[in-house]
Amino acid sequence: MSRVPTPDDKPLWRDEFSVYAQDERYVGRRQFAKFLGLASLGMLAGQVWILAKSWLARPAPYPTLLVARISDVPVDGVKLFRYPTPDDPCILIRPEANTFVAYSQKCTHLSCAVYYAAAHKRIECPCHVGHFSVESGRVLQGPPPRPLPRIQLRRDGDDLFAVGVDLQAGEH
């Protein structure tokens, strides 16, 4: 016959699995310092990895792209194109007969498409009333935090080529 357990009886598993819950909740100084040291070492290794990748990664040179023929863009006219990738919209502006400038068409505030306002001789962002200088791309008014990135152009006879991007344009 089997014996009926009483409330004073200790469960059988306690003899074979002797873990004291109070002791497990306590974290000693040595354990805590070991945890902090290992976590810091892991973070340091990650930062060194990021630094090494940035030093070793060489940016790809910008491609040379035919943007327009000079005869295709009238004075105070614009031409839209994409540079350096098909995902980067740009705007070519001819404010004067022998002057051509090109900028990224994304406003530096919230990436709205900017357009050339020939009547005001400025580049405007319709989303939040931001204005940029045609000559340098610097911010004239509104919330944009940075000037527009300028597309570097090279003229070869009647052709205009995009050859690079100046991200610091307008800050000088």
Protein backbone atom coordinates (compact mmCIF):
# COMPACT_ATOMS: atom_id res chain seq x y z
CA MET A 1 0.00 0.00 0.00
CA SER A 2 1.15 3.49 -0.67
CA ARG A 3 1.75 6.03 1.97
CA VAL A 4 -0.25 9.28 1.93
CA PRO A 5 2.01 12.35 2.02
CA THR A 6 1.62 14.78 4.87
CA PRO A 7 2.11 18.58 4.70
CA ASP A 8 5.39 18.23 6.61
CA ASP A 9 6.89 15.92 3.99
CA LYS A 10 9.49 17.39 1.71
CA PRO A 11 8.96 16.73 -2.05
CA LEU A 12 11.27 14.09 -3.43
CA TRP A 13 12.66 16.37 -6.14
CA ARG A 14 14.13 18.76 -3.54
CA ASP A 15 16.65 16.15 -2.45
CA GLU A 16 17.81 15.52 -5.98
CA PHE A 17 17.66 19.13 -7.21
CA SER A 18 19.12 21.24 -4.47
CA VAL A 19 18.92 24.79 -5.75
CA TYR A 20 18.17 27.58 -3.37
CA ALA A 21 16.15 30.31 -5.05
CA GLN A 22 17.34 33.02 -2.65
CA ASP A 23 20.96 32.35 -3.56
CA GLU A 24 20.22 32.42 -7.31
CA ARG A 25 18.75 35.93 -7.14
CA TYR A 26 21.88 37.34 -5.60
CA VAL A 27 24.50 38.63 -8.10
CA GLY A 28 27.94 38.99 -6.61
CA ARG A 29 30.34 41.84 -7.37
CA ARG A 30 32.65 39.50 -9.23
CA GLN A 31 29.85 38.21 -11.49
CA PHE A 32 28.63 41.72 -12.16
CA ALA A 33 32.13 42.98 -13.01
CA LYS A 34 32.67 39.99 -15.31
CA PHE A 35 29.40 40.75 -17.12
CA LEU A 36 30.29 44.44 -17.53
CA GLY A 37 33.77 43.57 -18.76
CA LEU A 38 32.51 41.10 -21.36
CA ALA A 39 29.76 43.47 -22.57
CA SER A 40 32.29 46.31 -22.89
CA LEU A 41 34.72 44.06 -24.75
CA GLY A 42 31.95 43.06 -27.16
CA MET A 43 31.03 46.69 -27.80
CA LEU A 44 34.69 47.59 -28.35
CA ALA A 45 35.09 44.76 -30.85
CA GLY A 46 32.02 45.98 -32.75
CA GLN A 47 33.34 49.54 -32.90
CA VAL A 48 36.76 48.36 -34.10
CA TRP A 49 35.03 46.30 -36.81
CA ILE A 50 33.04 49.34 -38.01
CA LEU A 51 36.18 51.51 -38.01
CA ALA A 52 38.17 48.91 -39.96
CA LYS A 53 35.41 48.56 -42.56
CA SER A 54 35.22 52.34 -43.03
CA TRP A 55 39.00 52.59 -43.47
CA LEU A 56 39.19 49.70 -45.91
CA ALA A 57 36.08 50.55 -47.94
CA ARG A 58 36.94 52.83 -50.82
CA PRO A 59 34.02 54.76 -52.24
CA ALA A 60 33.32 53.91 -55.85
CA PRO A 61 34.23 56.71 -58.24
CA TYR A 62 31.31 58.65 -59.64
CA PRO A 63 30.36 57.69 -63.19
CA THR A 64 30.50 60.13 -66.08
CA LEU A 65 27.01 60.63 -67.48
CA LEU A 66 25.82 62.71 -70.43
CA VAL A 67 23.17 64.98 -68.92
CA ALA A 68 22.14 67.24 -71.80
CA ARG A 69 23.19 69.04 -74.91
CA ILE A 70 23.56 72.77 -74.34
CA SER A 71 21.17 73.53 -77.18
CA ASP A 72 18.45 71.42 -75.47
CA VAL A 73 18.24 73.63 -72.36
CA PRO A 74 16.96 77.19 -72.91
CA VAL A 75 18.01 80.14 -70.72
CA ASP A 76 15.96 79.98 -67.48
CA GLY A 77 15.13 76.40 -68.43
CA VAL A 78 15.68 73.14 -66.58
CA LYS A 79 16.29 69.52 -67.38
CA LEU A 80 15.66 66.67 -64.98
CA PHE A 81 18.01 63.70 -64.87
CA ARG A 82 19.17 60.98 -62.48
CA TYR A 83 22.70 60.82 -61.08
CA PRO A 84 24.77 58.96 -59.80
CA THR A 85 22.19 56.13 -59.66
CA PRO A 86 18.72 55.78 -61.16
CA ASP A 87 17.31 56.42 -57.67
CA ASP A 88 18.83 59.91 -57.36
CA PRO A 89 16.76 62.64 -59.07
CA CYS A 90 18.65 65.79 -60.07
CA ILE A 91 17.84 69.11 -61.68
CA LEU A 92 19.99 70.95 -64.25
CA ILE A 93 19.37 74.72 -64.39
CA ARG A 94 20.53 77.26 -66.96
CA PRO A 95 20.02 80.62 -65.20
CA GLU A 96 22.12 82.55 -67.77
CA ALA A 97 23.35 81.91 -71.29
CA ASN A 98 26.74 80.48 -70.24
CA THR A 99 25.91 79.26 -66.74
CA PHE A 100 24.83 75.73 -65.90
CA VAL A 101 24.30 74.37 -62.39
CA ALA A 102 22.92 71.05 -61.22
CA TYR A 103 21.71 69.92 -57.80
CA SER A 104 20.07 66.96 -56.19
CA GLN A 105 16.33 67.39 -56.55
CA LYS A 106 15.67 66.14 -53.01
CA CYS A 107 15.15 68.86 -50.38
CA THR A 108 17.51 68.39 -47.44
CA HIS A 109 14.60 68.79 -45.02
CA LEU A 110 12.24 65.91 -45.85
CA SER A 111 13.32 64.90 -49.38
CA CYS A 112 10.48 66.64 -51.21
CA ALA A 113 11.17 67.38 -54.88
CA VAL A 114 12.50 70.91 -55.41
CA TYR A 115 11.89 72.98 -58.55
CA TYR A 116 13.41 76.06 -60.17
CA ALA A 117 11.35 79.26 -59.83
CA ALA A 118 12.69 81.34 -62.73
CA ALA A 119 10.67 84.41 -61.70
CA HIS A 120 12.41 84.53 -58.30
CA LYS A 121 15.77 83.10 -59.49
CA ARG A 122 15.79 80.47 -56.73
CA ILE A 123 15.14 76.80 -56.13
CA GLU A 124 12.00 76.18 -54.08
CA CYS A 125 10.64 73.32 -52.03
CA PRO A 126 6.82 73.40 -52.07
CA CYS A 127 6.36 71.13 -49.03
CA HIS A 128 7.57 73.49 -46.29
CA VAL A 129 8.41 76.72 -48.16
CA GLY A 130 12.15 76.16 -48.30
CA HIS A 131 14.23 78.25 -50.72
CA PHE A 132 17.74 77.60 -52.02
CA SER A 133 20.22 79.77 -53.92
CA VAL A 134 20.66 78.90 -57.58
CA GLU A 135 24.32 79.93 -57.54
CA SER A 136 25.47 77.82 -54.59
CA GLY A 137 22.56 75.67 -53.37
CA ARG A 138 22.71 77.25 -49.90
CA VAL A 139 19.54 77.65 -47.85
CA LEU A 140 17.90 81.06 -48.23
CA GLN A 141 14.75 80.43 -46.21
CA GLY A 142 12.81 77.73 -44.46
CA PRO A 143 13.47 74.57 -42.50
CA PRO A 144 16.08 72.79 -44.67
CA PRO A 145 19.13 72.16 -42.44
CA ARG A 146 21.77 71.86 -45.21
CA PRO A 147 22.40 73.16 -48.71
CA LEU A 148 21.48 71.02 -51.70
CA PRO A 149 24.20 68.60 -52.85
CA ARG A 150 25.70 70.03 -56.03
CA ILE A 151 26.29 67.87 -59.07
CA GLN A 152 29.66 68.61 -60.64
CA LEU A 153 29.40 69.28 -64.36
CA ARG A 154 31.94 69.13 -67.17
CA ARG A 155 31.34 70.82 -70.49
CA ASP A 156 32.71 69.17 -73.61
CA GLY A 157 31.70 71.16 -76.70
CA ASP A 158 27.91 71.13 -76.84
CA ASP A 159 27.60 68.34 -74.24
CA LEU A 160 27.22 68.59 -70.46
CA PHE A 161 28.40 65.66 -68.38
CA ALA A 162 27.79 64.93 -64.70
CA VAL A 163 31.09 63.82 -63.17
CA GLY A 164 30.62 63.94 -59.38
CA VAL A 165 28.65 65.08 -56.36
CA ASP A 166 29.79 67.81 -53.97
CA LEU A 167 28.00 67.20 -50.67
CA GLN A 168 29.60 70.27 -49.06
CA ALA A 169 28.42 72.75 -51.71
CA GLY A 170 26.96 75.98 -50.37
CA GLU A 171 28.59 75.66 -46.95
CA HIS A 172 31.66 77.75 -47.77
